Amino acid sequence: MYDLYLKKSRNIKTMEETQLDDLDYKIIKHLQSDGRMSFTEIAEDLDVAVSTIRNRYNRIIDEKILRIIGRAEPQKLGLNAYVRVMLAVKPAKKINSVIDTIKDFPEISFLAITSGKFNIELNLMCKNNNALLKRIDAINNTDGVEELQITMYLDVLKWGQ
């Protein structure tokens, strides 16, 4: 049922296939605190050669263990309506079709297949409530979407890493 999406994730190594040591974890921790930290700064702080940091970094990136991204403050970008939407898709064989229809909506900041009553979870970030309602209507009118549960975020206190 989820073959299309499982195939994409099969290229990612499992924890058993990927060997990370203490130094790898320390490098990751430095980059989590500041994704723009230079290899020289990290090397000095960890008392290792810059080439060691560069090689470890390249391996960690190549093996898709770490992604360096920029996270903008949604409100500073004018995105003032932020919600979590849970979708119940019936029949379940339409999950891939629903995902294909909605996955490229620019307002979606998170999208996942879930277990339980609701098959799909997503987060929407919109400029205002009118834009939010238009996007929710488009999702609700997608073939296979039987039910939505919407939770509006009033104040985000912590963002994930």
Protein backbone atom coordinates (compact mmCIF):
# COMPACT_ATOMS: atom_id res chain seq x y z
CA MET A 1 0.00 0.00 0.00
CA TYR A 2 2.80 2.44 0.84
CA ASP A 3 5.28 0.94 -1.65
CA LEU A 4 6.12 4.21 -3.39
CA TYR A 5 7.15 5.90 -0.15
CA LEU A 6 8.90 2.88 1.36
CA LYS A 7 11.11 2.52 -1.71
CA LYS A 8 12.44 6.05 -1.20
CA SER A 9 13.43 5.31 2.39
CA ARG A 10 15.15 2.02 1.58
CA ASN A 11 18.21 3.93 0.36
CA ILE A 12 18.83 5.17 3.89
CA LYS A 13 21.12 3.01 5.99
CA THR A 14 19.84 1.68 9.30
CA MET A 15 21.58 2.39 12.58
CA GLU A 16 23.10 -1.11 12.44
CA GLU A 17 24.67 -0.34 9.05
CA THR A 18 25.98 3.08 10.12
CA GLN A 19 28.76 3.22 12.65
CA LEU A 20 28.90 6.47 14.60
CA ASP A 21 31.43 7.03 17.32
CA ASP A 22 31.82 9.66 20.04
CA LEU A 23 33.53 12.10 17.69
CA ASP A 24 30.72 11.82 15.13
CA TYR A 25 28.15 12.60 17.82
CA LYS A 26 30.18 15.58 19.03
CA ILE A 27 30.43 16.95 15.48
CA ILE A 28 26.67 16.54 15.03
CA LYS A 29 26.02 18.28 18.35
CA HIS A 30 28.18 21.26 17.30
CA LEU A 31 26.33 21.53 13.99
CA GLN A 32 22.95 21.26 15.69
CA SER A 33 23.80 24.28 17.79
CA ASP A 34 25.18 26.22 14.79
CA GLY A 35 24.84 24.71 11.32
CA ARG A 36 27.26 27.33 9.95
CA MET A 37 30.08 26.58 12.38
CA SER A 38 33.36 26.21 10.50
CA PHE A 39 35.32 22.98 10.42
CA THR A 40 38.22 24.91 11.97
CA GLU A 41 36.11 25.97 14.97
CA ILE A 42 34.82 22.44 15.49
CA ALA A 43 38.32 20.95 15.11
CA GLU A 44 39.78 23.39 17.64
CA ASP A 45 37.00 22.74 20.13
CA LEU A 46 37.35 18.95 19.78
CA ASP A 47 41.15 19.02 19.54
CA VAL A 48 41.36 17.14 16.23
CA ALA A 49 42.60 17.98 12.73
CA VAL A 50 40.39 20.03 10.42
CA SER A 51 40.71 17.26 7.81
CA THR A 52 39.22 14.80 10.31
CA ILE A 53 36.19 17.05 10.77
CA ARG A 54 35.84 17.55 7.00
CA ASN A 55 36.01 13.78 6.30
CA ARG A 56 33.57 12.92 9.10
CA TYR A 57 31.21 15.69 8.01
CA ASN A 58 31.21 14.49 4.39
CA ARG A 59 30.50 10.91 5.47
CA ILE A 60 27.68 11.98 7.81
CA ILE A 61 26.12 14.08 5.04
CA ASP A 62 26.66 11.44 2.31
CA GLU A 63 25.05 8.74 4.47
CA LYS A 64 22.09 11.07 5.10
CA ILE A 65 22.58 10.99 8.87
CA LEU A 66 22.57 14.78 9.03
CA ARG A 67 20.96 17.50 6.92
CA ILE A 68 21.96 21.12 7.34
CA ILE A 69 18.89 23.31 6.87
CA GLY A 70 17.91 26.86 7.67
CA ARG A 71 14.82 27.26 9.81
CA ALA A 72 13.10 30.60 9.44
CA GLU A 73 10.78 32.09 12.02
CA PRO A 74 7.33 31.64 10.42
CA GLN A 75 5.82 34.80 11.93
CA LYS A 76 8.71 36.91 10.63
CA LEU A 77 7.88 35.56 7.16
CA GLY A 78 4.24 36.57 7.58
CA LEU A 79 3.00 33.02 8.29
CA ASN A 80 0.56 33.64 11.13
CA ALA A 81 -1.84 30.69 10.84
CA TYR A 82 -0.21 27.39 11.86
CA VAL A 83 -2.16 24.15 12.28
CA ARG A 84 -1.79 20.40 12.58
CA VAL A 85 -4.17 18.46 10.35
CA MET A 86 -4.95 14.78 10.77
CA LEU A 87 -6.51 13.06 7.75
CA ALA A 88 -8.56 9.87 7.71
CA VAL A 89 -8.33 8.37 4.22
CA LYS A 90 -10.87 5.77 3.10
CA PRO A 91 -10.30 3.34 1.59
CA ALA A 92 -6.72 3.08 2.82
CA LYS A 93 -5.52 2.16 -0.68
CA LYS A 94 -6.03 5.84 -1.60
CA ILE A 95 -3.33 7.05 0.83
CA ASN A 96 -0.66 7.29 -1.91
CA SER A 97 -3.07 9.14 -4.18
CA VAL A 98 -3.93 11.65 -1.44
CA ILE A 99 -0.24 12.18 -0.65
CA ASP A 100 0.59 12.67 -4.33
CA THR A 101 -2.15 15.31 -4.53
CA ILE A 102 -1.11 17.32 -1.47
CA LYS A 103 2.65 16.76 -1.01
CA ASP A 104 3.69 19.75 -3.12
CA PHE A 105 1.39 22.28 -1.44
CA PRO A 106 3.87 24.98 -0.37
CA GLU A 107 2.05 25.56 2.93
CA ILE A 108 2.80 22.01 4.14
CA SER A 109 5.83 22.04 6.46
CA PHE A 110 5.48 18.44 7.71
CA LEU A 111 3.85 15.37 6.16
CA ALA A 112 3.76 11.81 7.50
CA ILE A 113 1.86 8.55 7.17
CA THR A 114 0.56 7.56 10.59
CA SER A 115 -1.16 4.68 12.34
CA GLY A 116 -4.52 4.75 14.08
CA LYS A 117 -7.79 6.39 13.08
CA PHE A 118 -5.97 9.00 11.01
CA ASN A 119 -3.66 7.84 8.20
CA ILE A 120 -1.86 11.11 7.47
CA GLU A 121 -0.57 13.96 9.63
CA LEU A 122 0.53 17.29 8.26
CA ASN A 123 1.35 20.79 9.43
CA LEU A 124 0.21 23.84 7.47
CA MET A 125 1.71 27.32 7.73
CA CYS A 126 -0.35 30.04 6.06
CA LYS A 127 -0.29 33.84 5.94
CA ASN A 128 -3.71 34.19 7.54
CA ASN A 129 -6.92 32.33 8.34
CA ASN A 130 -8.43 32.98 4.89
CA ALA A 131 -5.45 31.33 3.17
CA LEU A 132 -5.63 28.53 5.73
CA LEU A 133 -9.31 27.90 5.02
CA LYS A 134 -8.68 27.76 1.27
CA ARG A 135 -5.91 25.18 1.71
CA ILE A 136 -7.97 23.10 4.17
CA ASP A 137 -10.88 23.13 1.69
CA ALA A 138 -8.56 21.88 -1.06
CA ILE A 139 -7.31 19.08 1.19
CA ASN A 140 -10.82 18.20 2.37
CA ASN A 141 -12.03 17.96 -1.23
CA THR A 142 -9.26 15.53 -2.20
CA ASP A 143 -10.63 12.16 -3.31
CA GLY A 144 -10.24 9.68 -0.47
CA VAL A 145 -10.18 12.18 2.41
CA GLU A 146 -13.06 11.16 4.66
CA GLU A 147 -12.37 13.13 7.83
CA LEU A 148 -10.10 15.90 9.09
CA GLN A 149 -9.12 16.82 12.61
CA ILE A 150 -7.54 20.25 12.91
CA THR A 151 -5.59 21.67 15.83
CA MET A 152 -4.51 25.30 15.69
CA TYR A 153 -1.18 26.13 17.28
CA LEU A 154 -1.63 29.27 19.38
CA ASP A 155 1.99 29.64 20.48
CA VAL A 156 4.93 27.41 19.51
CA LEU A 157 7.23 27.18 22.52
CA LYS A 158 9.95 24.98 21.03
CA TRP A 159 10.85 23.93 17.51
CA GLY A 160 12.43 20.53 16.81
CA GLN A 161 16.06 20.45 15.79
